[in-house]
Amino acid sequence: MSEIFYSGERASHVTVREGNTKRLLDLRFDLQPFSAEVVLEKGLAEPELLSLALLADALQDDARALKLYNRFAKRVVIMLPARWTMSRSRIRAYADMIERETADSPDDTASLRDGPE
C-alpha cells in the first residue's frame, strides 16, 4: 500500500493524495460534536474540525478518532504552519504516542474552547 499524504491550509481545502489520486478531505460533519452550520458560518473550532477529519481518515477508525481528536488538536494541529503536508504514517504515529501517554489518564473530552489542561 502506498503512503497517503494530507496537505492544505488548516481545515480549508485539505487534499488527500495517494499515488496519482487526489481527493478533498471529508471533514466528517457526521462525527462532529458541533453543527456544520456553526462551523461553516462562524469558523469555530477549526483545530478540532481538522483534527477529527485527519484522524478519522488516517486511522479508518471513527471511535478511536473521536477519542483522540482533542489531544491531537492541542498537540499537533495548532502547531501546523499556514501551509502544511503530513503523511498518514505520521498521523498514526502521533495517535499511538497520545494513546500511550494517556493510557492511565481519564478520557479528554474537553473542547479546545474550554482552555488548556
Protein backbone atom coordinates (compact mmCIF):
# COMPACT_ATOMS: atom_id res chain seq x y z
CA MET A 1 0.00 0.00 0.00
CA SER A 2 1.41 3.41 -0.94
CA GLU A 3 1.73 6.25 1.56
CA ILE A 4 -1.07 8.80 1.83
CA PHE A 5 -0.25 12.49 2.20
CA TYR A 6 -2.50 15.22 3.58
CA SER A 7 -1.77 18.81 2.66
CA GLY A 8 -3.55 22.08 2.92
CA GLU A 9 -4.13 25.34 4.66
CA ARG A 10 -5.64 24.42 8.03
CA ALA A 11 -9.12 22.96 7.55
CA SER A 12 -9.84 24.67 4.25
CA HIS A 13 -9.11 22.74 1.08
CA VAL A 14 -7.19 19.84 2.56
CA THR A 15 -6.06 17.49 -0.20
CA VAL A 16 -5.50 13.78 0.33
CA ARG A 17 -3.01 12.29 -2.11
CA GLU A 18 -2.29 8.60 -2.64
CA GLY A 19 -0.06 7.96 -5.62
CA ASN A 20 -1.57 9.81 -8.57
CA THR A 21 -5.02 10.05 -6.97
CA LYS A 22 -6.17 13.21 -5.20
CA ARG A 23 -9.36 13.99 -3.30
CA LEU A 24 -10.56 16.54 -0.79
CA LEU A 25 -10.53 15.50 2.86
CA ASP A 26 -14.00 14.68 4.14
CA LEU A 27 -14.49 16.93 7.18
CA ARG A 28 -16.75 14.29 8.72
CA PHE A 29 -19.52 16.55 9.93
CA ASP A 30 -21.37 13.32 10.78
CA LEU A 31 -18.90 12.81 13.66
CA GLN A 32 -18.67 16.42 14.80
CA PRO A 33 -19.92 17.35 18.27
CA PHE A 34 -20.90 20.73 16.80
CA SER A 35 -23.08 21.53 13.81
CA ALA A 36 -21.77 22.04 10.29
CA GLU A 37 -23.70 25.31 10.03
CA VAL A 38 -21.95 26.79 13.07
CA VAL A 39 -18.52 25.70 11.85
CA LEU A 40 -19.00 26.98 8.32
CA GLU A 41 -20.80 30.17 9.34
CA LYS A 42 -18.54 31.28 12.18
CA GLY A 43 -15.34 29.34 11.57
CA LEU A 44 -15.45 27.84 15.07
CA ALA A 45 -13.25 25.04 16.32
CA GLU A 46 -11.05 24.78 13.25
CA PRO A 47 -8.30 22.80 15.02
CA GLU A 48 -10.87 20.32 16.33
CA LEU A 49 -12.57 20.05 12.95
CA LEU A 50 -9.31 19.34 11.14
CA SER A 51 -8.07 17.03 13.88
CA LEU A 52 -11.13 14.81 13.78
CA ALA A 53 -11.17 14.70 9.97
CA LEU A 54 -7.47 13.80 9.73
CA LEU A 55 -7.67 11.12 12.41
CA ALA A 56 -10.85 9.56 11.04
CA ASP A 57 -9.34 9.33 7.55
CA ALA A 58 -5.85 8.19 8.56
CA LEU A 59 -6.90 5.71 11.24
CA GLN A 60 -10.04 4.44 9.47
CA ASP A 61 -11.49 4.06 12.97
CA ASP A 62 -14.17 6.61 13.92
CA ALA A 63 -14.32 5.60 17.59
CA ARG A 64 -10.56 5.96 18.00
CA ALA A 65 -10.60 9.30 16.15
CA LEU A 66 -13.33 10.61 18.46
CA LYS A 67 -11.33 9.53 21.49
CA LEU A 68 -8.11 11.23 20.35
CA TYR A 69 -9.09 14.32 18.38
CA ASN A 70 -8.99 16.87 21.24
CA ARG A 71 -5.47 15.92 22.30
CA PHE A 72 -4.34 15.64 18.67
CA ALA A 73 -5.70 19.14 18.00
CA LYS A 74 -3.88 20.55 21.03
CA ARG A 75 -0.58 18.81 20.31
CA VAL A 76 -0.40 18.69 16.53
CA VAL A 77 -2.97 20.70 14.60
CA ILE A 78 -2.49 24.02 16.41
CA MET A 79 1.22 23.81 15.55
CA LEU A 80 0.69 23.43 11.79
CA PRO A 81 2.02 26.31 9.67
CA ALA A 82 -0.22 28.13 7.19
CA ARG A 83 0.66 25.56 4.52
CA TRP A 84 1.46 22.04 5.58
CA THR A 85 1.85 18.41 4.50
CA MET A 86 1.67 15.36 6.74
CA SER A 87 1.79 11.65 5.96
CA ARG A 88 -0.71 9.07 7.16
CA SER A 89 2.10 7.24 8.95
CA ARG A 90 2.97 10.44 10.86
CA ILE A 91 -0.65 10.93 11.92
CA ARG A 92 -0.83 7.31 13.06
CA ALA A 93 2.44 7.69 14.99
CA TYR A 94 1.09 10.76 16.81
CA ALA A 95 -2.13 8.89 17.61
CA ASP A 96 -0.17 5.94 19.00
CA MET A 97 2.01 8.27 21.09
CA ILE A 98 -1.01 10.12 22.51
CA GLU A 99 -2.65 6.80 23.40
CA ARG A 100 0.49 5.57 25.18
CA GLU A 101 0.84 8.81 27.12
CA THR A 102 -2.80 8.88 28.16
CA ALA A 103 -3.29 5.19 28.87
CA ASP A 104 -3.68 5.86 32.60
CA SER A 105 -5.46 9.20 32.22
CA PRO A 106 -9.21 9.81 32.02
CA ASP A 107 -10.66 10.47 28.57
CA ASP A 108 -10.07 14.00 27.32
CA THR A 109 -13.46 15.11 26.13
CA ALA A 110 -12.97 18.80 26.87
CA SER A 111 -13.10 21.13 23.92
CA LEU A 112 -10.27 23.46 22.94
CA ARG A 113 -12.66 26.26 23.83
CA ASP A 114 -12.53 25.08 27.44
CA GLY A 115 -8.88 26.09 27.70
CA PRO A 116 -5.66 24.20 28.37
CA GLU A 117 -5.46 21.15 30.57
